[in-house]
Protein backbone atom coordinates (compact mmCIF):
# COMPACT_ATOMS: atom_id res chain seq x y z
CA UNK A 1 0.00 0.00 0.00
CA UNK A 2 2.90 2.39 0.58
CA UNK A 3 3.78 2.04 -3.09
CA UNK A 4 0.26 3.05 -4.16
CA UNK A 5 0.35 5.96 -1.71
CA UNK A 6 3.58 7.17 -3.34
CA UNK A 7 2.16 6.88 -6.84
CA UNK A 8 -0.97 8.86 -5.96
CA UNK A 9 1.07 11.53 -4.21
CA UNK A 10 3.48 11.82 -7.16
CA UNK A 11 0.67 12.08 -9.71
CA UNK A 12 -0.99 14.89 -7.77
CA UNK A 13 2.34 16.68 -7.35
CA UNK A 14 3.02 16.51 -11.09
CA UNK A 15 -0.46 17.79 -11.92
CA UNK A 16 -0.06 20.64 -9.43
CA UNK A 17 3.19 21.64 -11.12
CA UNK A 18 1.46 21.49 -14.52
CA UNK A 19 -1.27 23.79 -13.20
CA UNK A 20 1.32 26.27 -11.92
CA UNK A 21 3.10 26.20 -15.27
CA UNK A 22 -0.18 26.73 -17.14
CA UNK A 23 -1.12 29.72 -15.01
CA UNK A 24 2.36 31.24 -15.31
CA UNK A 25 2.37 30.72 -19.08
CA UNK A 26 -0.89 32.64 -19.39
CA UNK A 27 0.98 35.76 -18.27
CA UNK A 28 3.37 35.52 -21.24
CA UNK A 29 1.37 35.64 -24.50
CA UNK A 30 4.45 34.83 -26.62
CA UNK A 31 4.56 31.35 -25.09
CA UNK A 32 1.00 30.38 -26.06
CA UNK A 33 2.05 28.83 -29.38
CA UNK A 34 4.92 26.82 -27.94
CA UNK A 35 4.48 23.04 -28.14
CA UNK A 36 5.11 22.44 -24.42
CA UNK A 37 2.60 25.10 -23.40
CA UNK A 38 0.00 23.58 -25.74
CA UNK A 39 0.70 20.15 -24.22
CA UNK A 40 0.24 21.51 -20.68
CA UNK A 41 -2.90 23.42 -21.69
CA UNK A 42 -4.39 20.29 -23.25
CA UNK A 43 -4.22 18.47 -19.90
CA UNK A 44 -4.97 21.34 -17.52
CA UNK A 45 -7.51 23.55 -19.29
CA UNK A 46 -10.48 21.14 -18.98
CA UNK A 47 -9.94 21.04 -15.20
CA UNK A 48 -9.44 24.82 -14.95
CA UNK A 49 -12.41 25.52 -17.25
CA UNK A 50 -14.70 23.69 -14.84
CA UNK A 51 -13.77 26.18 -12.11
CA UNK A 52 -13.85 29.13 -14.53
CA UNK A 53 -17.50 28.26 -15.07
CA UNK A 54 -18.10 28.47 -11.32
CA UNK A 55 -16.18 31.70 -10.71
CA UNK A 56 -16.15 34.16 -13.62
CA UNK A 57 -13.14 36.51 -13.89
CA UNK A 58 -13.45 39.68 -11.83
CA UNK A 59 -13.58 42.73 -14.04
CA UNK A 60 -13.09 40.42 -17.00
CA UNK A 61 -9.35 40.04 -16.34
CA UNK A 62 -8.66 38.73 -12.82
CA UNK A 63 -9.22 34.96 -12.83
CA UNK A 64 -9.54 33.62 -9.28
CA UNK A 65 -10.77 30.19 -10.34
CA UNK A 66 -7.27 28.59 -10.08
CA UNK A 67 -7.38 29.19 -6.32
CA UNK A 68 -10.50 27.04 -6.10
CA UNK A 69 -8.96 24.52 -8.52
CA UNK A 70 -5.86 24.12 -6.32
CA UNK A 71 -8.01 23.80 -3.21
CA UNK A 72 -10.19 21.12 -4.84
CA UNK A 73 -7.14 19.25 -6.12
CA UNK A 74 -5.62 19.18 -2.63
CA UNK A 75 -8.94 18.03 -1.15
CA UNK A 76 -9.26 15.20 -3.68
CA UNK A 77 -5.65 14.17 -3.01
CA UNK A 78 -6.24 14.09 0.74
CA UNK A 79 -9.37 11.98 0.34
CA UNK A 80 -7.66 9.52 -2.03
CA UNK A 81 -4.60 9.20 0.18
CA UNK A 82 -6.91 8.55 3.15
CA UNK A 83 -8.62 5.77 1.22
CA UNK A 84 -5.29 4.25 0.18
CA UNK A 85 -4.08 4.09 3.76
C-alpha cells in the first residue's frame, strides 16, 4: 500500500506543477504557441475551465478560479490518500 500511496502523491504533485506552469504561461502571451505550453494546456484547461465556469473573472481580467482549482485538487488528493491508507 505504501507504493500506491507514493504513486498517488506523485501524480498529484506533477499535476499541481502542470497547473502552476499553465497559469504562469498565461501571463506571457508569446509562449502560447509553444508546443510544451500547448501540451500543458491540453491536460490542464479542462480542469481549470470547470472552475472558470463556477467563478467568472473579476472585471473580466482577474481569474480567481485557479485558487478554487488548487483547493479542490488538494482536497481530492487528501481523500484519495486517506482511502489508500
